[in-house]
Amino acid sequence: MTDTHAHGLAAAEPRADSAENAALPAIELAGVSKEFRTRRDVVAAVRTMDLQIAEGEFFSLLGPSGCGKTTTMRMIAGLARREHGVPVLRTLPAHERL
């Protein structure tokens, strides 16, 4: 795996149809965290998130306002930087999918 865009998403080669790759998640977050800094404080928007989503799996991200749903989706899409952890997409890097 190689780092791609400035947002730090890692991308593997496109998945081949094999038993070995079938077990790999299409999207994986490993220890991903995001913080926002205010004038006086540091606010943790996402704290050490681990997540695996299989190819073709239906996935919903639910929670109350302000819990980090949009921030998580922005990190997966490559639109927001993360402080820690590694988001991995087993397809094309986010900037090449548009």
Protein backbone atom coordinates (compact mmCIF):
# COMPACT_ATOMS: atom_id res chain seq x y z
CA MET A 1 0.00 0.00 0.00
CA THR A 2 1.14 3.51 -0.71
CA ASP A 3 0.04 6.87 0.62
CA THR A 4 -1.76 8.76 -2.09
CA HIS A 5 -3.28 12.19 -1.71
CA ALA A 6 -2.45 14.87 0.85
CA HIS A 7 -5.35 13.62 2.98
CA GLY A 8 -3.48 10.43 3.85
CA LEU A 9 -5.80 7.82 2.37
CA ALA A 10 -4.06 4.60 1.55
CA ALA A 11 -5.17 2.66 -1.50
CA ALA A 12 -4.41 -0.87 -2.56
CA GLU A 13 -4.52 -2.20 -6.08
CA PRO A 14 -8.09 -2.81 -7.34
CA ARG A 15 -9.46 -6.06 -5.97
CA ALA A 16 -9.17 -9.17 -8.07
CA ASP A 17 -11.79 -11.89 -7.83
CA SER A 18 -10.05 -14.39 -5.60
CA ALA A 19 -10.77 -16.15 -2.33
CA GLU A 20 -7.89 -14.27 -0.68
CA ASN A 21 -9.23 -10.81 -1.60
CA ALA A 22 -12.84 -11.76 -0.86
CA ALA A 23 -12.03 -11.67 2.86
CA LEU A 24 -10.59 -8.13 2.68
CA PRO A 25 -12.94 -5.25 3.57
CA ALA A 26 -13.73 -2.72 0.83
CA ILE A 27 -13.38 0.11 3.39
CA GLU A 28 -11.41 -0.11 6.59
CA LEU A 29 -10.66 2.43 9.31
CA ALA A 30 -7.93 1.51 11.77
CA GLY A 31 -7.59 3.79 14.80
CA VAL A 32 -8.84 6.87 12.94
CA SER A 33 -9.19 10.05 15.01
CA LYS A 34 -10.08 13.65 14.18
CA GLU A 35 -9.77 16.72 16.39
CA PHE A 36 -10.79 20.32 15.88
CA ARG A 37 -8.98 23.13 17.67
CA THR A 38 -10.79 26.17 19.01
CA ARG A 39 -9.16 29.20 20.58
CA ARG A 40 -9.21 27.57 24.02
CA ASP A 41 -9.89 23.89 23.50
CA VAL A 42 -9.31 20.76 21.46
CA VAL A 43 -12.54 18.98 20.53
CA ALA A 44 -12.40 15.28 19.62
CA ALA A 45 -14.87 14.82 16.75
CA VAL A 46 -13.95 11.14 16.19
CA ARG A 47 -12.07 9.08 18.78
CA THR A 48 -10.08 6.04 17.66
CA MET A 49 -12.60 4.52 15.24
CA ASP A 50 -12.10 0.99 13.94
CA LEU A 51 -14.45 -0.10 11.17
CA GLN A 52 -14.62 -2.67 8.38
CA ILE A 53 -17.17 -2.60 5.57
CA ALA A 54 -17.28 -5.54 3.17
CA GLU A 55 -17.73 -5.05 -0.56
CA GLY A 56 -21.47 -4.98 -1.35
CA GLU A 57 -22.40 -4.63 2.32
CA PHE A 58 -25.18 -2.19 3.26
CA PHE A 59 -23.86 0.21 5.88
CA SER A 60 -25.53 2.96 7.93
CA LEU A 61 -23.80 5.47 10.17
CA LEU A 62 -26.29 6.71 12.77
CA GLY A 63 -26.00 8.94 15.80
CA PRO A 64 -27.05 12.24 17.36
CA SER A 65 -26.10 15.64 15.99
CA GLY A 66 -22.44 16.44 16.51
CA CYS A 67 -21.23 12.88 17.12
CA GLY A 68 -18.84 12.72 14.13
CA LYS A 69 -20.91 11.06 11.35
CA THR A 70 -20.15 13.63 8.66
CA THR A 71 -16.53 13.97 9.77
CA THR A 72 -16.08 10.19 9.45
CA MET A 73 -17.60 10.15 5.97
CA ARG A 74 -15.39 13.11 4.94
CA MET A 75 -12.29 11.22 6.13
CA ILE A 76 -13.31 8.11 4.16
CA ALA A 77 -13.92 10.25 1.06
CA GLY A 78 -10.55 11.99 1.46
CA LEU A 79 -12.09 15.41 2.10
CA ALA A 80 -10.86 15.79 5.69
CA ARG A 81 -7.49 15.09 7.26
CA ARG A 82 -7.28 12.76 10.24
CA GLU A 83 -4.98 13.14 13.26
CA HIS A 84 -4.29 9.42 13.74
CA GLY A 85 -5.02 6.09 12.15
CA VAL A 86 -5.32 4.81 8.62
CA PRO A 87 -8.37 4.84 6.36
CA VAL A 88 -7.97 2.22 3.60
CA LEU A 89 -10.05 1.93 0.45
CA ARG A 90 -9.54 -1.27 -1.54
CA THR A 91 -10.46 0.50 -4.79
CA LEU A 92 -9.19 3.72 -6.34
CA PRO A 93 -7.96 6.60 -4.20
CA ALA A 94 -10.69 9.17 -3.48
CA HIS A 95 -9.24 11.83 -5.78
CA GLU A 96 -9.25 9.36 -8.72
CA ARG A 97 -12.89 8.28 -8.23
CA LEU A 98 -14.44 11.66 -9.09
